[in-house]
PDB file of all heavy atoms in Angstrom:
ATOM      1  N   THR A   1      18.796 111.817  75.420  1.00  0.00           N
ATOM      2  CA  THR A   1      20.185 111.243  75.388  1.00  0.00           C
ATOM      3  C   THR A   1      20.900 111.526  76.702  1.00  0.00           C
ATOM      4  O   THR A   1      21.578 110.651  77.223  1.00  0.00           O
ATOM      5  CB  THR A   1      20.964 111.810  74.202  1.00  0.00           C
ATOM      6  OG1 THR A   1      20.253 111.640  73.039  1.00  0.00           O
ATOM      7  CG2 THR A   1      22.331 111.164  74.095  1.00  0.00           C
ATOM      8  N   MET A   2      20.790 112.741  77.203  1.00  0.00           N
ATOM      9  CA  MET A   2      21.472 113.077  78.466  1.00  0.00           C
ATOM     10  C   MET A   2      20.875 112.291  79.622  1.00  0.00           C
ATOM     11  O   MET A   2      21.615 111.826  80.517  1.00  0.00           O
ATOM     12  CB  MET A   2      21.337 114.602  78.739  1.00  0.00           C
ATOM     13  CG  MET A   2      22.162 115.030  79.956  1.00  0.00           C
ATOM     14  SD  MET A   2      23.918 114.774  79.768  1.00  0.00           S
ATOM     15  CE  MET A   2      24.294 116.017  78.495  1.00  0.00           C
ATOM     16  N   ASN A   3      19.554 112.073  79.621  1.00  0.00           N
ATOM     17  CA  ASN A   3      18.889 111.316  80.647  1.00  0.00           C
ATOM     18  C   ASN A   3      19.451 109.829  80.639  1.00  0.00           C
ATOM     19  O   ASN A   3      19.709 109.233  81.661  1.00  0.00           O
ATOM     20  CB  ASN A   3      17.405 111.302  80.473  1.00  0.00           C
ATOM     21  CG  ASN A   3      16.679 110.443  81.439  1.00  0.00           C
ATOM     22  OD1 ASN A   3      16.374 109.285  81.080  1.00  0.00           O
ATOM     23  ND2 ASN A   3      16.390 110.946  82.620  1.00  0.00           N
ATOM     24  N   ARG A   4      19.548 109.331  79.422  1.00  0.00           N
ATOM     25  CA  ARG A   4      20.087 107.917  79.272  1.00  0.00           C
ATOM     26  C   ARG A   4      21.512 107.833  79.794  1.00  0.00           C
ATOM     27  O   ARG A   4      21.841 106.857  80.470  1.00  0.00           O
ATOM     28  CB  ARG A   4      19.984 107.545  77.846  1.00  0.00           C
ATOM     29  CG  ARG A   4      20.445 106.129  77.514  1.00  0.00           C
ATOM     30  CD  ARG A   4      19.996 105.703  76.154  1.00  0.00           C
ATOM     31  NE  ARG A   4      20.562 104.475  75.743  1.00  0.00           N
ATOM     32  CZ  ARG A   4      21.600 104.318  74.908  1.00  0.00           C
ATOM     33  NH1 ARG A   4      22.165 105.383  74.394  1.00  0.00           N
ATOM     34  NH2 ARG A   4      22.067 103.139  74.620  1.00  0.00           N
ATOM     35  N   TYR A   5      22.347 108.816  79.469  1.00  0.00           N
ATOM     36  CA  TYR A   5      23.710 108.776  79.944  1.00  0.00           C
ATOM     37  C   TYR A   5      23.771 108.897  81.472  1.00  0.00           C
ATOM     38  O   TYR A   5      24.470 108.144  82.115  1.00  0.00           O
ATOM     39  CB  TYR A   5      24.478 109.918  79.296  1.00  0.00           C
ATOM     40  CG  TYR A   5      25.824 110.188  79.957  1.00  0.00           C
ATOM     41  CD1 TYR A   5      26.930 109.401  79.658  1.00  0.00           C
ATOM     42  CD2 TYR A   5      25.970 111.215  80.863  1.00  0.00           C
ATOM     43  CE1 TYR A   5      28.153 109.604  80.216  1.00  0.00           C
ATOM     44  CE2 TYR A   5      27.202 111.449  81.491  1.00  0.00           C
ATOM     45  CZ  TYR A   5      28.271 110.626  81.132  1.00  0.00           C
ATOM     46  OH  TYR A   5      29.516 110.842  81.760  1.00  0.00           O
ATOM     47  N   THR A   6      23.053 109.810  82.056  1.00  0.00           N
ATOM     48  CA  THR A   6      23.071 110.009  83.486  1.00  0.00           C
ATOM     49  C   THR A   6      22.572 108.800  84.253  1.00  0.00           C
ATOM     50  O   THR A   6      23.175 108.363  85.225  1.00  0.00           O
ATOM     51  CB  THR A   6      22.215 111.236  83.847  1.00  0.00           C
ATOM     52  OG1 THR A   6      22.660 112.368  83.078  1.00  0.00           O
ATOM     53  CG2 THR A   6      22.306 111.547  85.327  1.00  0.00           C
ATOM     54  N   LYS A   7      21.520 108.189  83.711  1.00  0.00           N
ATOM     55  CA  LYS A   7      20.947 107.009  84.410  1.00  0.00           C
ATOM     56  C   LYS A   7      21.958 105.854  84.371  1.00  0.00           C
ATOM     57  O   LYS A   7      22.151 105.166  85.364  1.00  0.00           O
ATOM     58  CB  LYS A   7      19.604 106.637  83.732  1.00  0.00           C
ATOM     59  CG  LYS A   7      18.824 105.641  84.569  1.00  0.00           C
ATOM     60  CD  LYS A   7      17.457 105.430  83.866  1.00  0.00           C
ATOM     61  CE  LYS A   7      16.548 104.533  84.679  1.00  0.00           C
ATOM     62  NZ  LYS A   7      16.130 105.176  85.927  1.00  0.00           N
ATOM     63  N   THR A   8      22.594 105.611  83.234  1.00  0.00           N
ATOM     64  CA  THR A   8      23.536 104.543  83.122  1.00  0.00           C
ATOM     65  C   THR A   8      24.738 104.780  83.969  1.00  0.00           C
ATOM     66  O   THR A   8      25.250 103.885  84.665  1.00  0.00           O
ATOM     67  CB  THR A   8      23.997 104.383  81.665  1.00  0.00           C
ATOM     68  OG1 THR A   8      22.818 104.225  80.831  1.00  0.00           O
ATOM     69  CG2 THR A   8      24.922 103.175  81.470  1.00  0.00           C
ATOM     70  N   PHE A   9      25.227 106.045  84.016  1.00  0.00           N
ATOM     71  CA  PHE A   9      26.392 106.353  84.813  1.00  0.00           C
ATOM     72  C   PHE A   9      26.087 106.128  86.331  1.00  0.00           C
ATOM     73  O   PHE A   9      26.928 105.595  87.037  1.00  0.00           O
ATOM     74  CB  PHE A   9      26.784 107.807  84.539  1.00  0.00           C
ATOM     75  CG  PHE A   9      27.980 108.269  85.334  1.00  0.00           C
ATOM     76  CD1 PHE A   9      29.247 107.925  84.960  1.00  0.00           C
ATOM     77  CD2 PHE A   9      27.780 109.051  86.515  1.00  0.00           C
ATOM     78  CE1 PHE A   9      30.376 108.336  85.745  1.00  0.00           C
ATOM     79  CE2 PHE A   9      28.899 109.463  87.266  1.00  0.00           C
ATOM     80  CZ  PHE A   9      30.183 109.107  86.837  1.00  0.00           C
ATOM     81  N   LEU A  10      24.975 106.579  86.800  1.00  0.00           N
ATOM     82  CA  LEU A  10      24.604 106.407  88.157  1.00  0.00           C
ATOM     83  C   LEU A  10      24.445 104.928  88.551  1.00  0.00           C
ATOM     84  O   LEU A  10      24.802 104.520  89.661  1.00  0.00           O
ATOM     85  CB  LEU A  10      23.329 107.181  88.510  1.00  0.00           C
ATOM     86  CG  LEU A  10      23.441 108.704  88.478  1.00  0.00           C
ATOM     87  CD1 LEU A  10      22.093 109.367  88.743  1.00  0.00           C
ATOM     88  CD2 LEU A  10      24.441 109.227  89.477  1.00  0.00           C
ATOM     89  N   GLU A  11      23.870 104.157  87.682  1.00  0.00           N
ATOM     90  CA  GLU A  11      23.732 102.722  87.960  1.00  0.00           C
ATOM     91  C   GLU A  11      25.138 102.055  88.070  1.00  0.00           C
ATOM     92  O   GLU A  11      25.323 101.204  88.956  1.00  0.00           O
ATOM     93  CB  GLU A  11      22.949 102.074  86.815  1.00  0.00           C
ATOM     94  CG  GLU A  11      21.488 102.352  86.855  1.00  0.00           C
ATOM     95  CD  GLU A  11      20.677 101.671  85.777  1.00  0.00           C
ATOM     96  OE1 GLU A  11      21.360 100.991  84.938  1.00  0.00           O
ATOM     97  OE2 GLU A  11      19.475 101.825  85.766  1.00  0.00           O
ATOM     98  N   PHE A  12      26.065 102.453  87.259  1.00  0.00           N
ATOM     99  CA  PHE A  12      27.400 101.843  87.361  1.00  0.00           C
ATOM    100  C   PHE A  12      28.089 102.299  88.607  1.00  0.00           C
ATOM    101  O   PHE A  12      28.841 101.503  89.240  1.00  0.00           O
ATOM    102  CB  PHE A  12      28.256 102.246  86.129  1.00  0.00           C
ATOM    103  CG  PHE A  12      28.232 101.206  85.036  1.00  0.00           C
ATOM    104  CD1 PHE A  12      27.229 101.217  84.138  1.00  0.00           C
ATOM    105  CD2 PHE A  12      29.228 100.257  85.000  1.00  0.00           C
ATOM    106  CE1 PHE A  12      27.193 100.236  83.104  1.00  0.00           C
ATOM    107  CE2 PHE A  12      29.184  99.300  84.034  1.00  0.00           C
ATOM    108  CZ  PHE A  12      28.202  99.243  83.073  1.00  0.00           C
ATOM    109  N   LYS A  13      27.905 103.545  89.018  1.00  0.00           N
ATOM    110  CA  LYS A  13      28.499 103.977  90.318  1.00  0.00           C
ATOM    111  C   LYS A  13      27.911 103.190  91.443  1.00  0.00           C
ATOM    112  O   LYS A  13      28.642 102.813  92.433  1.00  0.00           O
ATOM    113  CB  LYS A  13      28.230 105.475  90.448  1.00  0.00           C
ATOM    114  CG  LYS A  13      28.960 106.382  89.458  1.00  0.00           C
ATOM    115  CD  LYS A  13      30.470 106.328  89.647  1.00  0.00           C
ATOM    116  CE  LYS A  13      30.885 107.033  90.864  1.00  0.00           C
ATOM    117  NZ  LYS A  13      32.338 107.098  91.038  1.00  0.00           N
ATOM    118  N   TYR A  14      26.606 102.935  91.409  1.00  0.00           N
ATOM    119  CA  TYR A  14      25.994 102.161  92.462  1.00  0.00           C
ATOM    120  C   TYR A  14      26.506 100.734  92.492  1.00  0.00           C
ATOM    121  O   TYR A  14      26.845 100.239  93.566  1.00  0.00           O
ATOM    122  CB  TYR A  14      24.490 102.129  92.219  1.00  0.00           C
ATOM    123  CG  TYR A  14      23.721 101.357  93.254  1.00  0.00           C
ATOM    124  CD1 TYR A  14      23.332 101.953  94.444  1.00  0.00           C
ATOM    125  CD2 TYR A  14      23.336 100.021  92.999  1.00  0.00           C
ATOM    126  CE1 TYR A  14      22.657 101.194  95.404  1.00  0.00           C
ATOM    127  CE2 TYR A  14      22.670  99.331  93.938  1.00  0.00           C
ATOM    128  CZ  TYR A  14      22.280  99.910  95.156  1.00  0.00           C
ATOM    129  OH  TYR A  14      21.598  99.199  96.061  1.00  0.00           O
ATOM    130  N   LYS A  15      26.661 100.117  91.337  1.00  0.00           N
ATOM    131  CA  LYS A  15      27.175  98.753  91.291  1.00  0.00           C
ATOM    132  C   LYS A  15      28.628  98.703  91.774  1.00  0.00           C
ATOM    133  O   LYS A  15      29.061  97.735  92.390  1.00  0.00           O
ATOM    134  CB  LYS A  15      27.039  98.239  89.873  1.00  0.00           C
ATOM    135  CG  LYS A  15      25.606  97.923  89.481  1.00  0.00           C
ATOM    136  CD  LYS A  15      25.553  97.413  88.030  1.00  0.00           C
ATOM    137  CE  LYS A  15      24.099  97.155  87.624  1.00  0.00           C
ATOM    138  NZ  LYS A  15      23.566  95.935  88.233  1.00  0.00           N
ATOM    139  N   GLN A  16      29.406  99.724  91.376  1.00  0.00           N
ATOM    140  CA  GLN A  16      30.815  99.730  91.807  1.00  0.00           C
ATOM    141  C   GLN A  16      30.932  99.864  93.301  1.00  0.00           C
ATOM    142  O   GLN A  16      31.784  99.141  93.946  1.00  0.00           O
ATOM    143  CB  GLN A  16      31.503 100.904  91.137  1.00  0.00           C
ATOM    144  CG  GLN A  16      33.018 100.977  91.412  1.00  0.00           C
ATOM    145  CD  GLN A  16      33.646 102.123  90.707  1.00  0.00           C
ATOM    146  OE1 GLN A  16      33.027 103.057  90.217  1.00  0.00           O
ATOM    147  NE2 GLN A  16      35.004 102.102  90.656  1.00  0.00           N
ATOM    148  N   LYS A  17      30.139 100.731  93.933  1.00  0.00           N
ATOM    149  CA  LYS A  17      30.235 100.879  95.368  1.00  0.00           C
ATOM    150  C   LYS A  17      29.786  99.594  96.078  1.00  0.00           C
ATOM    151  O   LYS A  17      30.331  99.187  97.129  1.00  0.00           O
ATOM    152  CB  LYS A  17      29.361 102.073  95.827  1.00  0.00           C
ATOM    153  CG  LYS A  17      29.959 103.413  95.411  1.00  0.00           C
ATOM    154  CD  LYS A  17      29.130 104.533  95.917  1.00  0.00           C
ATOM    155  CE  LYS A  17      29.743 105.906  95.561  1.00  0.00           C
ATOM    156  NZ  LYS A  17      28.924 107.016  96.079  1.00  0.00           N
ATOM    157  N   ARG A  18      28.752  98.942  95.549  1.00  0.00           N
ATOM    158  CA  ARG A  18      28.263  97.716  96.193  1.00  0.00           C
ATOM    159  C   ARG A  18      29.338  96.631  96.023  1.00  0.00           C
ATOM    160  O   ARG A  18      29.502  95.800  96.975  1.00  0.00           O
ATOM    161  CB  ARG A  18      26.969  97.270  95.509  1.00  0.00           C
ATOM    162  CG  ARG A  18      26.289  96.134  96.221  1.00  0.00           C
ATOM    163  CD  ARG A  18      24.934  95.809  95.582  1.00  0.00           C
ATOM    164  NE  ARG A  18      24.303  94.682  96.232  1.00  0.00           N
ATOM    165  CZ  ARG A  18      23.468  94.813  97.231  1.00  0.00           C
ATOM    166  NH1 ARG A  18      23.180  96.008  97.755  1.00  0.00           N
ATOM    167  NH2 ARG A  18      22.892  93.740  97.783  1.00  0.00           N
ATOM    168  N   LEU A  19      30.002  96.556  94.917  1.00  0.00           N
ATOM    169  CA  LEU A  19      31.071  95.575  94.732  1.00  0.00           C
ATOM    170  C   LEU A  19      32.190  95.817  95.730  1.00  0.00           C
ATOM    171  O   LEU A  19      32.734  94.891  96.334  1.00  0.00           O
ATOM    172  CB  LEU A  19      31.580  95.614  93.281  1.00  0.00           C
ATOM    173  CG  LEU A  19      32.794  94.738  92.979  1.00  0.00           C
ATOM    174  CD1 LEU A  19      32.427  93.296  93.131  1.00  0.00           C
ATOM    175  CD2 LEU A  19      33.316  95.040  91.579  1.00  0.00           C
ATOM    176  N   GLU A  20      32.591  97.069  95.897  1.00  0.00           N
ATOM    177  CA  GLU A  20      33.650  97.415  96.863  1.00  0.00           C
ATOM    178  C   GLU A  20      33.257  96.982  98.256  1.00  0.00           C
ATOM    179  O   GLU A  20      34.106  96.476  99.054  1.00  0.00           O
ATOM    180  CB  GLU A  20      33.960  98.882  96.794  1.00  0.00           C
ATOM    181  CG  GLU A  20      34.623  99.315  95.470  1.00  0.00           C
ATOM    182  CD  GLU A  20      34.818 100.780  95.406  1.00  0.00           C
ATOM    183  OE1 GLU A  20      34.354 101.535  96.330  1.00  0.00           O
ATOM    184  OE2 GLU A  20      35.426 101.292  94.416  1.00  0.00           O
ATOM    185  N   ARG A  21      32.032  97.222  98.669  1.00  0.00           N
ATOM    186  CA  ARG A  21      31.625  96.837  99.993  1.00  0.00           C
ATOM    187  C   ARG A  21      31.628  95.349 100.189  1.00  0.00           C
ATOM    188  O   ARG A  21      32.002  94.831 101.239  1.00  0.00           O
ATOM    189  CB  ARG A  21      30.195  97.417 100.315  1.00  0.00           C
ATOM    190  CG  ARG A  21      30.159  98.887 100.526  1.00  0.00           C
ATOM    191  CD  ARG A  21      28.850  99.327 101.176  1.00  0.00           C
ATOM    192  NE  ARG A  21      27.714  98.977 100.316  1.00  0.00           N
ATOM    193  CZ  ARG A  21      27.130  99.820  99.456  1.00  0.00           C
ATOM    194  NH1 ARG A  21      27.644 101.052  99.277  1.00  0.00           N
ATOM    195  NH2 ARG A  21      26.068  99.431  98.743  1.00  0.00           N
ATOM    196  N   ARG A  22      31.193  94.618  99.215  1.00  0.00           N
ATOM    197  CA  ARG A  22      31.191  93.165  99.289  1.00  0.00           C
ATOM    198  C   ARG A  22      32.607  92.590  99.359  1.00  0.00           C
ATOM    199  O   ARG A  22      32.873  91.631 100.138  1.00  0.00           O
ATOM    200  CB  ARG A  22      30.446  92.561  98.088  1.00  0.00           C
ATOM    201  CG  ARG A  22      28.938  92.814  98.094  1.00  0.00           C
ATOM    202  CD  ARG A  22      28.290  92.108  99.249  1.00  0.00           C
ATOM    203  NE  ARG A  22      26.829  92.346  99.271  1.00  0.00           N
ATOM    204  CZ  ARG A  22      25.970  91.522  98.665  1.00  0.00           C
ATOM    205  NH1 ARG A  22      26.400  90.459  98.039  1.00  0.00           N
ATOM    206  NH2 ARG A  22      24.700  91.756  98.770  1.00  0.00           N
ATOM    207  N   LEU A  23      33.528  93.111  98.615  1.00  0.00           N
ATOM    208  CA  LEU A  23      34.873  92.641  98.593  1.00  0.00           C
ATOM    209  C   LEU A  23      35.600  92.981  99.858  1.00  0.00           C
ATOM    210  O   LEU A  23      36.414  92.159 100.387  1.00  0.00           O
ATOM    211  CB  LEU A  23      35.665  93.170  97.389  1.00  0.00           C
ATOM    212  CG  LEU A  23      35.223  92.615  96.037  1.00  0.00           C
ATOM    213  CD1 LEU A  23      36.025  93.323  94.912  1.00  0.00           C
ATOM    214  CD2 LEU A  23      35.350  91.144  95.892  1.00  0.00           C
ATOM    215  N   LYS A  24      35.367  94.138 100.410  1.00  0.00           N
ATOM    216  CA  LYS A  24      35.976  94.515 101.662  1.00  0.00           C
ATOM    217  C   LYS A  24      35.512  93.706 102.856  1.00  0.00           C
ATOM    218  O   LYS A  24      36.226  93.498 103.840  1.00  0.00           O
ATOM    219  CB  LYS A  24      35.717  96.015 101.975  1.00  0.00           C
ATOM    220  CG  LYS A  24      36.507  96.960 101.028  1.00  0.00           C
ATOM    221  CD  LYS A  24      36.186  98.435 101.339  1.00  0.00           C
ATOM    222  CE  LYS A  24      36.954  99.330 100.394  1.00  0.00           C
ATOM    223  NZ  LYS A  24      36.595 100.763 100.709  1.00  0.00           N
ATOM    224  N   ALA A  25      34.295  93.172 102.737  1.00  0.00           N
ATOM    225  CA  ALA A  25      33.750  92.344 103.814  1.00  0.00           C
ATOM    226  C   ALA A  25      34.321  90.936 103.794  1.00  0.00           C
ATOM    227  O   ALA A  25      34.119  90.198 104.801  1.00  0.00           O
ATOM    228  CB  ALA A  25      32.207  92.316 103.757  1.00  0.00           C
ATOM    229  N   LYS A  26      34.993  90.535 102.743  1.00  0.00           N
ATOM    230  CA  LYS A  26      35.563  89.186 102.617  1.00  0.00           C
ATOM    231  C   LYS A  26      37.079  89.221 102.819  1.00  0.00           C
ATOM    232  O   LYS A  26      37.741  90.061 102.271  1.00  0.00           O
ATOM    233  CB  LYS A  26      35.226  88.601 101.269  1.00  0.00           C
ATOM    234  CG  LYS A  26      33.724  88.342 101.070  1.00  0.00           C
ATOM    235  CD  LYS A  26      33.454  87.770  99.762  1.00  0.00           C
ATOM    236  CE  LYS A  26      31.925  87.580  99.535  1.00  0.00           C
ATOM    237  NZ  LYS A  26      31.645  86.921  98.219  1.00  0.00           N
ATOM    238  N   PRO A  27      37.604  88.253 103.594  1.00  0.00           N
ATOM    239  CA  PRO A  27      39.043  88.233 103.755  1.00  0.00           C
ATOM    240  C   PRO A  27      39.769  87.727 102.504  1.00  0.00           C
ATOM    241  O   PRO A  27      39.216  86.927 101.701  1.00  0.00           O
ATOM    242  CB  PRO A  27      39.268  87.200 104.886  1.00  0.00           C
ATOM    243  CG  PRO A  27      38.045  86.311 104.829  1.00  0.00           C
ATOM    244  CD  PRO A  27      36.917  87.228 104.340  1.00  0.00           C
ATOM    245  N   LYS A  28      40.960  88.213 102.325  1.00  0.00           N
ATOM    246  CA  LYS A  28      41.808  87.819 101.210  1.00  0.00           C
ATOM    247  C   LYS A  28      41.133  88.032  99.858  1.00  0.00           C
ATOM    248  O   LYS A  28      41.278  87.239  98.919  1.00  0.00           O
ATOM    249  CB  LYS A  28      42.236  86.366 101.318  1.00  0.00           C
ATOM    250  CG  LYS A  28      43.027  86.047 102.572  1.00  0.00           C
ATOM    251  CD  LYS A  28      43.473  84.586 102.623  1.00  0.00           C
ATOM    252  CE  LYS A  28      44.249  84.264 103.868  1.00  0.00           C
ATOM    253  NZ  LYS A  28      44.658  82.857 103.938  1.00  0.00           N
ATOM    254  N   SER A  29      40.378  89.054  99.756  1.00  0.00           N
ATOM    255  CA  SER A  29      39.766  89.404  98.459  1.00  0.00           C
ATOM    256  C   SER A  29      40.674  90.273  97.643  1.00  0.00           C
ATOM    257  O   SER A  29      41.472  91.107  98.202  1.00  0.00           O
ATOM    258  CB  SER A  29      38.407  90.105  98.720  1.00  0.00           C
ATOM    259  OG  SER A  29      38.633  91.327  99.436  1.00  0.00           O
ATOM    260  N   PRO A  30      40.605  90.197  96.327  1.00  0.00           N
ATOM    261  CA  PRO A  30      41.479  91.052  95.532  1.00  0.00           C
ATOM    262  C   PRO A  30      41.061  92.518  95.593  1.00  0.00           C
ATOM    263  O   PRO A  30      40.028  92.846  96.143  1.00  0.00           O
ATOM    264  CB  PRO A  30      41.237  90.561  94.082  1.00  0.00           C
ATOM    265  CG  PRO A  30      39.855  89.898  94.142  1.00  0.00           C
ATOM    266  CD  PRO A  30      39.807  89.309  95.554  1.00  0.00           C
TER     267      PRO A  30
END
């Protein structure tokens, strides 16, 4: 159960950081 929680949490952190980089690279992004 802890492994499942940790893996899911890390995947979301990775996706969040990738989203932030993509939005910062575009002008007039929210």
